[in-house]
Structure formats: C-alpha cells, structure tokens
Amino acid sequence: MTASCPGTYRVAGREIRLDEDCYLENPSDWSRDVAVWIAENVEGLSLTEEHWRLVEYVRAYWERRGECPPVGRLLKDLGITFEDLYRLFPSGPAEGLCRVAGVPRPGGCS
C-alpha cells in the first residue's frame, strides 16, 4: 500500500480524503479515476473488466439504497462465486471492493 491513511491526495485534478481505514470520506468524490487510484495505491490491484463489473454493481446498489449489497445478493445477481470475489478482491468485499467503489464501510464490519 502506497497510500497512508488517513490522508489527503490529489487524483485527476481533484482532492480526495481517505479516512483512517482508507475509505473515501466523501462518496460523491468518487470517479473511475479515483477507483483506479484506490485500487492501485491502497489495494495493490490493477482493475480489469471483471473488477469493473463488481465495482459498478456495488456503486449502483449503494446509490439506490444507501448501503452496500449483502455478499449473497452480489454473488447471485452477478453469477459469481465466493472464490471469484476473493480472487478479484483479496482483502474481501467489505474492504477492497467497497473501498474501490468509493462507498462507506458496510455496517457491522470492523
């Protein structure tokens, strides 16, 4: 991880702030550029189309409902396995996937 959290960073001409757990403090600051930056500098990932499919799903779900989707729903709706999810986001859905999608840490996760 090259980002130090909490911290303020300039990404694609915008200032973003990450909280102490490296989640985007203001979800409205999210963009694809921010997602790529978080993936590379926090999660150590290079995003592929497979990653983007999950990121866009989580982002859209959060925008509609104000929360991250339950893992079971995500797996069912996208037709992927738990193993696929952890292969793409080794730190897990609550950490890696939600961070890259720019949404707050899901409730009940610490």
C-alpha atoms as a PDB file:
ATOM      1  CA  MET A   1       0.000   0.000   0.000  1.00  0.00           C
ATOM      2  CA  THR A   2       1.462   3.329  -1.015  1.00  0.00           C
ATOM      3  CA  ALA A   3      -1.297   5.492   0.461  1.00  0.00           C
ATOM      4  CA  SER A   4      -1.053   6.460   4.116  1.00  0.00           C
ATOM      5  CA  CYS A   5      -4.396   6.709   5.883  1.00  0.00           C
ATOM      6  CA  PRO A   6      -5.893   8.982   6.921  1.00  0.00           C
ATOM      7  CA  GLY A   7      -4.666  11.254   4.194  1.00  0.00           C
ATOM      8  CA  THR A   8      -5.493  13.794   1.526  1.00  0.00           C
ATOM      9  CA  TYR A   9      -4.475  13.124  -2.068  1.00  0.00           C
ATOM     10  CA  ARG A  10      -4.804  14.778  -5.465  1.00  0.00           C
ATOM     11  CA  VAL A  11      -6.281  12.423  -8.057  1.00  0.00           C
ATOM     12  CA  ALA A  12      -7.083  13.532 -11.609  1.00  0.00           C
ATOM     13  CA  GLY A  13      -7.035  17.178 -10.540  1.00  0.00           C
ATOM     14  CA  ARG A  14      -9.335  16.629  -7.544  1.00  0.00           C
ATOM     15  CA  GLU A  15      -8.570  16.466  -3.878  1.00  0.00           C
ATOM     16  CA  ILE A  16      -9.819  13.355  -2.112  1.00  0.00           C
ATOM     17  CA  ARG A  17      -9.595  12.417   1.533  1.00  0.00           C
ATOM     18  CA  LEU A  18      -9.302   8.885   2.870  1.00  0.00           C
ATOM     19  CA  ASP A  19     -10.315   8.082   6.435  1.00  0.00           C
ATOM     20  CA  GLU A  20      -8.202   6.093   8.897  1.00  0.00           C
ATOM     21  CA  ASP A  21      -9.298   2.828   7.249  1.00  0.00           C
ATOM     22  CA  CYS A  22      -8.605   4.117   3.711  1.00  0.00           C
ATOM     23  CA  TYR A  23     -12.260   4.555   2.748  1.00  0.00           C
ATOM     24  CA  LEU A  24     -13.218   7.627   0.740  1.00  0.00           C
ATOM     25  CA  GLU A  25     -14.555  10.171   3.249  1.00  0.00           C
ATOM     26  CA  ASN A  26     -16.958  11.719   0.737  1.00  0.00           C
ATOM     27  CA  PRO A  27     -18.533   9.148  -1.607  1.00  0.00           C
ATOM     28  CA  SER A  28     -19.504  11.947  -4.011  1.00  0.00           C
ATOM     29  CA  ASP A  29     -15.770  12.428  -4.719  1.00  0.00           C
ATOM     30  CA  TRP A  30     -15.724   9.027  -6.428  1.00  0.00           C
ATOM     31  CA  SER A  31     -14.924   8.689 -10.120  1.00  0.00           C
ATOM     32  CA  ARG A  32     -13.380   5.980 -12.267  1.00  0.00           C
ATOM     33  CA  ASP A  33     -10.027   7.758 -11.882  1.00  0.00           C
ATOM     34  CA  VAL A  34     -10.403   7.695  -8.091  1.00  0.00           C
ATOM     35  CA  ALA A  35     -11.335   3.995  -8.239  1.00  0.00           C
ATOM     36  CA  VAL A  36      -8.199   3.217 -10.250  1.00  0.00           C
ATOM     37  CA  TRP A  37      -6.063   5.232  -7.824  1.00  0.00           C
ATOM     38  CA  ILE A  38      -7.525   3.496  -4.736  1.00  0.00           C
ATOM     39  CA  ALA A  39      -7.172   0.092  -6.405  1.00  0.00           C
ATOM     40  CA  GLU A  40      -3.510   0.717  -7.214  1.00  0.00           C
ATOM     41  CA  ASN A  41      -2.408   2.680  -4.136  1.00  0.00           C
ATOM     42  CA  VAL A  42      -4.486   1.105  -1.372  1.00  0.00           C
ATOM     43  CA  GLU A  43      -5.381  -2.381  -2.601  1.00  0.00           C
ATOM     44  CA  GLY A  44      -2.403  -3.069  -4.882  1.00  0.00           C
ATOM     45  CA  LEU A  45      -4.703  -4.042  -7.767  1.00  0.00           C
ATOM     46  CA  SER A  46      -4.836  -3.322 -11.483  1.00  0.00           C
ATOM     47  CA  LEU A  47      -8.509  -3.182 -12.421  1.00  0.00           C
ATOM     48  CA  THR A  48      -9.780  -5.427 -15.205  1.00  0.00           C
ATOM     49  CA  GLU A  49     -13.234  -5.581 -16.783  1.00  0.00           C
ATOM     50  CA  GLU A  50     -14.086  -8.288 -14.218  1.00  0.00           C
ATOM     51  CA  HIS A  51     -13.240  -5.884 -11.392  1.00  0.00           C
ATOM     52  CA  TRP A  52     -15.224  -3.064 -13.007  1.00  0.00           C
ATOM     53  CA  ARG A  53     -18.335  -5.246 -13.259  1.00  0.00           C
ATOM     54  CA  LEU A  54     -18.315  -5.690  -9.477  1.00  0.00           C
ATOM     55  CA  VAL A  55     -17.326  -2.095  -8.719  1.00  0.00           C
ATOM     56  CA  GLU A  56     -20.109  -0.685 -10.909  1.00  0.00           C
ATOM     57  CA  TYR A  57     -22.671  -3.059  -9.376  1.00  0.00           C
ATOM     58  CA  VAL A  58     -21.716  -2.066  -5.809  1.00  0.00           C
ATOM     59  CA  ARG A  59     -21.664   1.619  -6.699  1.00  0.00           C
ATOM     60  CA  ALA A  60     -25.111   1.478  -8.357  1.00  0.00           C
ATOM     61  CA  TYR A  61     -26.578  -0.546  -5.472  1.00  0.00           C
ATOM     62  CA  TRP A  62     -25.208   1.935  -2.950  1.00  0.00           C
ATOM     63  CA  GLU A  63     -26.558   4.919  -4.925  1.00  0.00           C
ATOM     64  CA  ARG A  64     -30.046   3.337  -4.981  1.00  0.00           C
ATOM     65  CA  ARG A  65     -30.170   2.029  -1.404  1.00  0.00           C
ATOM     66  CA  GLY A  66     -27.531   3.904   0.576  1.00  0.00           C
ATOM     67  CA  GLU A  67     -25.792   0.689   1.617  1.00  0.00           C
ATOM     68  CA  CYS A  68     -23.523  -1.976   0.213  1.00  0.00           C
ATOM     69  CA  PRO A  69     -25.233  -5.082  -1.122  1.00  0.00           C
ATOM     70  CA  PRO A  70     -25.158  -8.207   1.014  1.00  0.00           C
ATOM     71  CA  VAL A  71     -22.496 -10.571  -0.311  1.00  0.00           C
ATOM     72  CA  GLY A  72     -25.073 -13.250  -1.111  1.00  0.00           C
ATOM     73  CA  ARG A  73     -27.046 -10.837  -3.279  1.00  0.00           C
ATOM     74  CA  LEU A  74     -23.911  -9.675  -5.077  1.00  0.00           C
ATOM     75  CA  LEU A  75     -22.890 -13.273  -5.825  1.00  0.00           C
ATOM     76  CA  LYS A  76     -26.371 -14.224  -7.023  1.00  0.00           C
ATOM     77  CA  ASP A  77     -27.011 -11.108  -9.115  1.00  0.00           C
ATOM     78  CA  LEU A  78     -23.620 -11.271 -10.837  1.00  0.00           C
ATOM     79  CA  GLY A  79     -23.425 -15.059 -11.080  1.00  0.00           C
ATOM     80  CA  ILE A  80     -20.008 -15.290  -9.471  1.00  0.00           C
ATOM     81  CA  THR A  81     -18.630 -17.458  -6.700  1.00  0.00           C
ATOM     82  CA  PHE A  82     -17.203 -16.511  -3.332  1.00  0.00           C
ATOM     83  CA  GLU A  83     -13.847 -17.709  -4.653  1.00  0.00           C
ATOM     84  CA  ASP A  84     -14.141 -15.368  -7.672  1.00  0.00           C
ATOM     85  CA  LEU A  85     -14.886 -12.465  -5.355  1.00  0.00           C
ATOM     86  CA  TYR A  86     -11.786 -13.091  -3.241  1.00  0.00           C
ATOM     87  CA  ARG A  87      -9.639 -13.731  -6.306  1.00  0.00           C
ATOM     88  CA  LEU A  88     -10.576 -10.289  -7.619  1.00  0.00           C
ATOM     89  CA  PHE A  89     -10.546  -8.507  -4.245  1.00  0.00           C
ATOM     90  CA  PRO A  90      -8.229 -10.461  -1.910  1.00  0.00           C
ATOM     91  CA  SER A  91      -8.954  -8.144   1.033  1.00  0.00           C
ATOM     92  CA  GLY A  92     -12.640  -9.015   0.653  1.00  0.00           C
ATOM     93  CA  PRO A  93     -15.874  -7.343  -0.343  1.00  0.00           C
ATOM     94  CA  ALA A  94     -16.205  -5.090   2.714  1.00  0.00           C
ATOM     95  CA  GLU A  95     -12.669  -3.829   2.401  1.00  0.00           C
ATOM     96  CA  GLY A  96     -11.290  -3.957  -1.132  1.00  0.00           C
ATOM     97  CA  LEU A  97     -14.461  -3.869  -3.180  1.00  0.00           C
ATOM     98  CA  CYS A  98     -16.241  -1.203  -1.128  1.00  0.00           C
ATOM     99  CA  ARG A  99     -13.082   0.927  -0.952  1.00  0.00           C
ATOM    100  CA  VAL A 100     -12.590   0.842  -4.721  1.00  0.00           C
ATOM    101  CA  ALA A 101     -16.308   1.531  -5.265  1.00  0.00           C
ATOM    102  CA  GLY A 102     -15.926   4.596  -3.034  1.00  0.00           C
ATOM    103  CA  VAL A 103     -18.681   3.631  -0.623  1.00  0.00           C
ATOM    104  CA  PRO A 104     -18.553   3.633   3.192  1.00  0.00           C
ATOM    105  CA  ARG A 105     -17.564   0.554   5.158  1.00  0.00           C
ATOM    106  CA  PRO A 106     -20.631  -1.684   5.432  1.00  0.00           C
ATOM    107  CA  GLY A 107     -22.345  -1.699   8.828  1.00  0.00           C
ATOM    108  CA  GLY A 108     -21.199  -4.449  11.148  1.00  0.00           C
ATOM    109  CA  CYS A 109     -17.725  -4.606   9.586  1.00  0.00           C
ATOM    110  CA  SER A 110     -14.714  -3.546  11.581  1.00  0.00           C
END
